Amino acid sequence: MLEAADVALSQGITSVGTLLDTADQLGAYLRLEKANQLPVRMTGMPPYASIEHLITFDMQTGFGSDRVKIGGAKLFSDGSLGARTALMAADYSDAPGVLGERIYSPNHLSEMCLDAVQHGFQLVIHAIGDQANRESLAAIIGAMGDDRTNPLRHRVEHISV
């Protein structure tokens, strides 16, 4: 973590966001912060599956300090272009019959987004393909309900197609 932070700083980057694969990762950032050894600001994005655990400690988006805090709940809508797993509305031009892969059904994605928002989490959805982006945006809009101010600043990451 410290080596990566040094590389970021050498390029003028002072704040980073990262997927938190485990609770131990957040703990490591917090220990570095406490020891005044974390040279960058860090926002950790827990996977959606972690929400149930985090809320038992009253943690949600924004929890933490100016240096280390919890960001949005990370969800994945599809895969990648290189592996042809990004979810497209039409076949890949070089792979007839291949549309990519949907990680969650649109209904399940919408349910998870609503749950995350109701527990105070920003939504951070990985979506590469055009169909994955449509489904992700629909899930975000549904989770927001009538509140179009988007106080949690939900987002779709990557939006390649």
C-alpha atoms as a PDB file:
ATOM      1  CA  MET A   1       0.000   0.000   0.000  1.00  0.00           C
ATOM      2  CA  LEU A   2       2.769   2.403   0.901  1.00  0.00           C
ATOM      3  CA  GLU A   3       4.683   1.693  -2.317  1.00  0.00           C
ATOM      4  CA  ALA A   4       1.545   2.336  -4.367  1.00  0.00           C
ATOM      5  CA  ALA A   5       0.922   5.555  -2.414  1.00  0.00           C
ATOM      6  CA  ASP A   6       4.475   6.705  -3.155  1.00  0.00           C
ATOM      7  CA  VAL A   7       3.967   6.077  -6.882  1.00  0.00           C
ATOM      8  CA  ALA A   8       0.702   8.034  -6.773  1.00  0.00           C
ATOM      9  CA  LEU A   9       2.360  10.944  -4.976  1.00  0.00           C
ATOM     10  CA  SER A  10       5.237  10.981  -7.455  1.00  0.00           C
ATOM     11  CA  GLN A  11       2.632  11.666 -10.149  1.00  0.00           C
ATOM     12  CA  GLY A  12       0.850  14.350  -8.141  1.00  0.00           C
ATOM     13  CA  ILE A  13      -2.034  12.109  -7.052  1.00  0.00           C
ATOM     14  CA  THR A  14      -2.999  12.787  -3.445  1.00  0.00           C
ATOM     15  CA  SER A  15      -6.299  10.875  -3.141  1.00  0.00           C
ATOM     16  CA  VAL A  16      -7.099   7.320  -4.199  1.00  0.00           C
ATOM     17  CA  GLY A  17     -10.111   5.045  -4.217  1.00  0.00           C
ATOM     18  CA  THR A  18      -9.864   1.294  -3.952  1.00  0.00           C
ATOM     19  CA  LEU A  19     -12.061  -1.754  -3.766  1.00  0.00           C
ATOM     20  CA  LEU A  20     -11.938  -3.221  -0.266  1.00  0.00           C
ATOM     21  CA  ASP A  21     -11.782  -6.969  -0.781  1.00  0.00           C
ATOM     22  CA  THR A  22     -11.663  -7.651   2.966  1.00  0.00           C
ATOM     23  CA  ALA A  23     -12.299  -5.823   6.230  1.00  0.00           C
ATOM     24  CA  ASP A  24      -8.586  -6.330   6.966  1.00  0.00           C
ATOM     25  CA  GLN A  25      -7.725  -3.912   4.185  1.00  0.00           C
ATOM     26  CA  LEU A  26      -9.719  -1.115   5.808  1.00  0.00           C
ATOM     27  CA  GLY A  27      -8.044  -1.950   9.106  1.00  0.00           C
ATOM     28  CA  ALA A  28      -4.617  -1.678   7.493  1.00  0.00           C
ATOM     29  CA  TYR A  29      -5.416   1.778   6.110  1.00  0.00           C
ATOM     30  CA  LEU A  30      -6.750   2.869   9.491  1.00  0.00           C
ATOM     31  CA  ARG A  31      -3.608   1.620  11.269  1.00  0.00           C
ATOM     32  CA  LEU A  32      -1.408   3.517   8.803  1.00  0.00           C
ATOM     33  CA  GLU A  33      -3.484   6.636   9.330  1.00  0.00           C
ATOM     34  CA  LYS A  34      -3.283   6.287  13.122  1.00  0.00           C
ATOM     35  CA  ALA A  35       0.510   5.960  12.875  1.00  0.00           C
ATOM     36  CA  ASN A  36       0.537   9.038  10.609  1.00  0.00           C
ATOM     37  CA  GLN A  37       2.144   6.944   7.844  1.00  0.00           C
ATOM     38  CA  LEU A  38      -0.544   7.120   5.150  1.00  0.00           C
ATOM     39  CA  PRO A  39       0.701   9.725   2.654  1.00  0.00           C
ATOM     40  CA  VAL A  40      -2.508   9.897   0.554  1.00  0.00           C
ATOM     41  CA  ARG A  41      -6.208  10.183   1.248  1.00  0.00           C
ATOM     42  CA  MET A  42      -7.955   6.848   0.737  1.00  0.00           C
ATOM     43  CA  THR A  43     -11.592   6.078   0.040  1.00  0.00           C
ATOM     44  CA  GLY A  44     -12.401   2.385   0.306  1.00  0.00           C
ATOM     45  CA  MET A  45     -15.293   0.892  -1.623  1.00  0.00           C
ATOM     46  CA  PRO A  46     -16.624  -2.223   0.085  1.00  0.00           C
ATOM     47  CA  PRO A  47     -18.318  -4.862  -2.053  1.00  0.00           C
ATOM     48  CA  TYR A  48     -22.090  -4.957  -1.719  1.00  0.00           C
ATOM     49  CA  ALA A  49     -21.816  -8.257   0.193  1.00  0.00           C
ATOM     50  CA  SER A  50     -20.065  -6.390   3.034  1.00  0.00           C
ATOM     51  CA  ILE A  51     -22.909  -3.966   3.718  1.00  0.00           C
ATOM     52  CA  GLU A  52     -24.728  -6.214   6.164  1.00  0.00           C
ATOM     53  CA  HIS A  53     -21.561  -6.509   8.267  1.00  0.00           C
ATOM     54  CA  LEU A  54     -20.632  -2.826   8.053  1.00  0.00           C
ATOM     55  CA  ILE A  55     -24.028  -1.550   9.172  1.00  0.00           C
ATOM     56  CA  THR A  56     -23.736  -3.530  12.410  1.00  0.00           C
ATOM     57  CA  PHE A  57     -20.929  -1.052  13.249  1.00  0.00           C
ATOM     58  CA  ASP A  58     -22.914   1.973  12.000  1.00  0.00           C
ATOM     59  CA  MET A  59     -20.606   2.272   8.991  1.00  0.00           C
ATOM     60  CA  GLN A  60     -21.880   3.647   5.703  1.00  0.00           C
ATOM     61  CA  THR A  61     -20.681   5.971   2.945  1.00  0.00           C
ATOM     62  CA  GLY A  62     -18.736   8.838   4.506  1.00  0.00           C
ATOM     63  CA  PHE A  63     -17.785   6.972   7.676  1.00  0.00           C
ATOM     64  CA  GLY A  64     -14.213   7.668   8.688  1.00  0.00           C
ATOM     65  CA  SER A  65     -11.950  10.677   8.635  1.00  0.00           C
ATOM     66  CA  ASP A  66     -10.559  13.165   6.159  1.00  0.00           C
ATOM     67  CA  ARG A  67      -7.747  10.695   5.404  1.00  0.00           C
ATOM     68  CA  VAL A  68      -9.510   7.298   5.368  1.00  0.00           C
ATOM     69  CA  LYS A  69     -13.200   6.806   4.750  1.00  0.00           C
ATOM     70  CA  ILE A  70     -15.820   4.427   3.422  1.00  0.00           C
ATOM     71  CA  GLY A  71     -16.989   5.214  -0.079  1.00  0.00           C
ATOM     72  CA  GLY A  72     -19.711   3.608  -2.135  1.00  0.00           C
ATOM     73  CA  ALA A  73     -20.820   0.012  -2.179  1.00  0.00           C
ATOM     74  CA  LYS A  74     -19.219  -1.641  -5.204  1.00  0.00           C
ATOM     75  CA  LEU A  75     -21.354  -3.760  -7.504  1.00  0.00           C
ATOM     76  CA  PHE A  76     -20.488  -5.413 -10.809  1.00  0.00           C
ATOM     77  CA  SER A  77     -22.967  -5.444 -13.666  1.00  0.00           C
ATOM     78  CA  ASP A  78     -20.820  -7.198 -16.285  1.00  0.00           C
ATOM     79  CA  GLY A  79     -17.273  -8.211 -17.182  1.00  0.00           C
ATOM     80  CA  SER A  80     -14.701  -6.803 -19.604  1.00  0.00           C
ATOM     81  CA  LEU A  81     -14.356  -6.108 -23.313  1.00  0.00           C
ATOM     82  CA  GLY A  82     -11.160  -8.127 -23.743  1.00  0.00           C
ATOM     83  CA  ALA A  83     -12.783 -11.286 -22.436  1.00  0.00           C
ATOM     84  CA  ARG A  84     -16.018 -10.500 -24.314  1.00  0.00           C
ATOM     85  CA  THR A  85     -17.896 -10.591 -21.008  1.00  0.00           C
ATOM     86  CA  ALA A  86     -19.013  -6.938 -21.121  1.00  0.00           C
ATOM     87  CA  LEU A  87     -22.808  -7.121 -21.569  1.00  0.00           C
ATOM     88  CA  MET A  88     -23.886  -5.758 -24.945  1.00  0.00           C
ATOM     89  CA  ALA A  89     -27.315  -5.158 -26.482  1.00  0.00           C
ATOM     90  CA  ALA A  90     -26.111  -6.647 -29.786  1.00  0.00           C
ATOM     91  CA  ASP A  91     -23.622  -9.388 -30.636  1.00  0.00           C
ATOM     92  CA  TYR A  92     -19.911  -8.608 -30.601  1.00  0.00           C
ATOM     93  CA  SER A  93     -18.932  -7.749 -34.177  1.00  0.00           C
ATOM     94  CA  ASP A  94     -16.165 -10.350 -34.138  1.00  0.00           C
ATOM     95  CA  ALA A  95     -18.126 -12.999 -32.208  1.00  0.00           C
ATOM     96  CA  PRO A  96     -21.625 -13.614 -33.578  1.00  0.00           C
ATOM     97  CA  GLY A  97     -23.991 -14.913 -30.918  1.00  0.00           C
ATOM     98  CA  VAL A  98     -21.930 -13.493 -28.048  1.00  0.00           C
ATOM     99  CA  LEU A  99     -23.565 -10.752 -25.952  1.00  0.00           C
ATOM    100  CA  GLY A 100     -21.296 -10.916 -22.906  1.00  0.00           C
ATOM    101  CA  GLU A 101     -22.288 -11.822 -19.373  1.00  0.00           C
ATOM    102  CA  ARG A 102     -24.817 -10.323 -17.003  1.00  0.00           C
ATOM    103  CA  ILE A 103     -23.616 -10.635 -13.404  1.00  0.00           C
ATOM    104  CA  TYR A 104     -27.070 -10.036 -11.844  1.00  0.00           C
ATOM    105  CA  SER A 105     -30.538 -10.023 -13.347  1.00  0.00           C
ATOM    106  CA  PRO A 106     -31.924  -6.485 -13.711  1.00  0.00           C
ATOM    107  CA  ASN A 107     -34.373  -7.168 -10.865  1.00  0.00           C
ATOM    108  CA  HIS A 108     -31.672  -8.474  -8.532  1.00  0.00           C
ATOM    109  CA  LEU A 109     -29.366  -5.544  -9.349  1.00  0.00           C
ATOM    110  CA  SER A 110     -32.230  -3.138  -8.617  1.00  0.00           C
ATOM    111  CA  GLU A 111     -32.971  -4.860  -5.297  1.00  0.00           C
ATOM    112  CA  MET A 112     -29.321  -4.666  -4.218  1.00  0.00           C
ATOM    113  CA  CYS A 113     -29.092  -1.006  -5.201  1.00  0.00           C
ATOM    114  CA  LEU A 114     -32.235  -0.129  -3.245  1.00  0.00           C
ATOM    115  CA  ASP A 115     -30.930  -2.033  -0.223  1.00  0.00           C
ATOM    116  CA  ALA A 116     -27.563  -0.260  -0.353  1.00  0.00           C
ATOM    117  CA  VAL A 117     -29.151   3.180  -0.654  1.00  0.00           C
ATOM    118  CA  GLN A 118     -31.575   2.465   2.188  1.00  0.00           C
ATOM    119  CA  HIS A 119     -28.550   1.658   4.371  1.00  0.00           C
ATOM    120  CA  GLY A 120     -26.799   4.937   3.484  1.00  0.00           C
ATOM    121  CA  PHE A 121     -24.418   3.729   0.799  1.00  0.00           C
ATOM    122  CA  GLN A 122     -23.469   5.422  -2.403  1.00  0.00           C
ATOM    123  CA  LEU A 123     -23.732   3.114  -5.415  1.00  0.00           C
ATOM    124  CA  VAL A 124     -20.588   2.409  -7.453  1.00  0.00           C
ATOM    125  CA  ILE A 125     -21.470   0.047 -10.296  1.00  0.00           C
ATOM    126  CA  HIS A 126     -18.922  -1.450 -12.694  1.00  0.00           C
ATOM    127  CA  ALA A 127     -20.540  -1.492 -16.149  1.00  0.00           C
ATOM    128  CA  ILE A 128     -18.649  -1.759 -19.445  1.00  0.00           C
ATOM    129  CA  GLY A 129     -21.134  -2.799 -22.137  1.00  0.00           C
ATOM    130  CA  ASP A 130     -24.054  -0.711 -23.371  1.00  0.00           C
ATOM    131  CA  GLN A 131     -26.677  -3.115 -22.008  1.00  0.00           C
ATOM    132  CA  ALA A 132     -24.934  -3.291 -18.621  1.00  0.00           C
ATOM    133  CA  ASN A 133     -24.921   0.507 -18.521  1.00  0.00           C
ATOM    134  CA  ARG A 134     -28.644   0.694 -19.317  1.00  0.00           C
ATOM    135  CA  GLU A 135     -29.440  -1.800 -16.565  1.00  0.00           C
ATOM    136  CA  SER A 136     -27.124  -0.079 -14.074  1.00  0.00           C
ATOM    137  CA  LEU A 137     -28.630   3.347 -14.711  1.00  0.00           C
ATOM    138  CA  ALA A 138     -32.143   1.935 -14.377  1.00  0.00           C
ATOM    139  CA  ALA A 139     -31.185   0.335 -11.043  1.00  0.00           C
ATOM    140  CA  ILE A 140     -29.724   3.610  -9.767  1.00  0.00           C
ATOM    141  CA  ILE A 141     -32.795   5.586 -10.824  1.00  0.00           C
ATOM    142  CA  GLY A 142     -35.040   3.017  -9.153  1.00  0.00           C
ATOM    143  CA  ALA A 143     -33.023   3.126  -5.930  1.00  0.00           C
ATOM    144  CA  MET A 144     -33.239   6.909  -5.806  1.00  0.00           C
ATOM    145  CA  GLY A 145     -37.034   6.823  -5.906  1.00  0.00           C
ATOM    146  CA  ASP A 146     -38.478  10.323  -5.968  1.00  0.00           C
ATOM    147  CA  ASP A 147     -35.256  11.904  -4.672  1.00  0.00           C
ATOM    148  CA  ARG A 148     -33.545  13.162  -7.812  1.00  0.00           C
ATOM    149  CA  THR A 149     -30.989  15.245  -5.899  1.00  0.00           C
ATOM    150  CA  ASN A 150     -28.630  12.228  -5.599  1.00  0.00           C
ATOM    151  CA  PRO A 151     -27.062  13.289  -2.281  1.00  0.00           C
ATOM    152  CA  LEU A 152     -24.846  10.171  -2.301  1.00  0.00           C
ATOM    153  CA  ARG A 153     -23.569  10.896  -5.837  1.00  0.00           C
ATOM    154  CA  HIS A 154     -24.150   7.400  -7.217  1.00  0.00           C
ATOM    155  CA  ARG A 155     -22.057   6.481 -10.219  1.00  0.00           C
ATOM    156  CA  VAL A 156     -21.364   3.969 -12.918  1.00  0.00           C
ATOM    157  CA  GLU A 157     -17.682   3.223 -13.392  1.00  0.00           C
ATOM    158  CA  HIS A 158     -15.982   2.662 -16.740  1.00  0.00           C
ATOM    159  CA  ILE A 159     -18.923   3.085 -19.186  1.00  0.00           C
ATOM    160  CA  SER A 160     -16.753   1.888 -22.082  1.00  0.00           C
ATOM    161  CA  VAL A 161     -19.585   1.267 -24.545  1.00  0.00           C
END
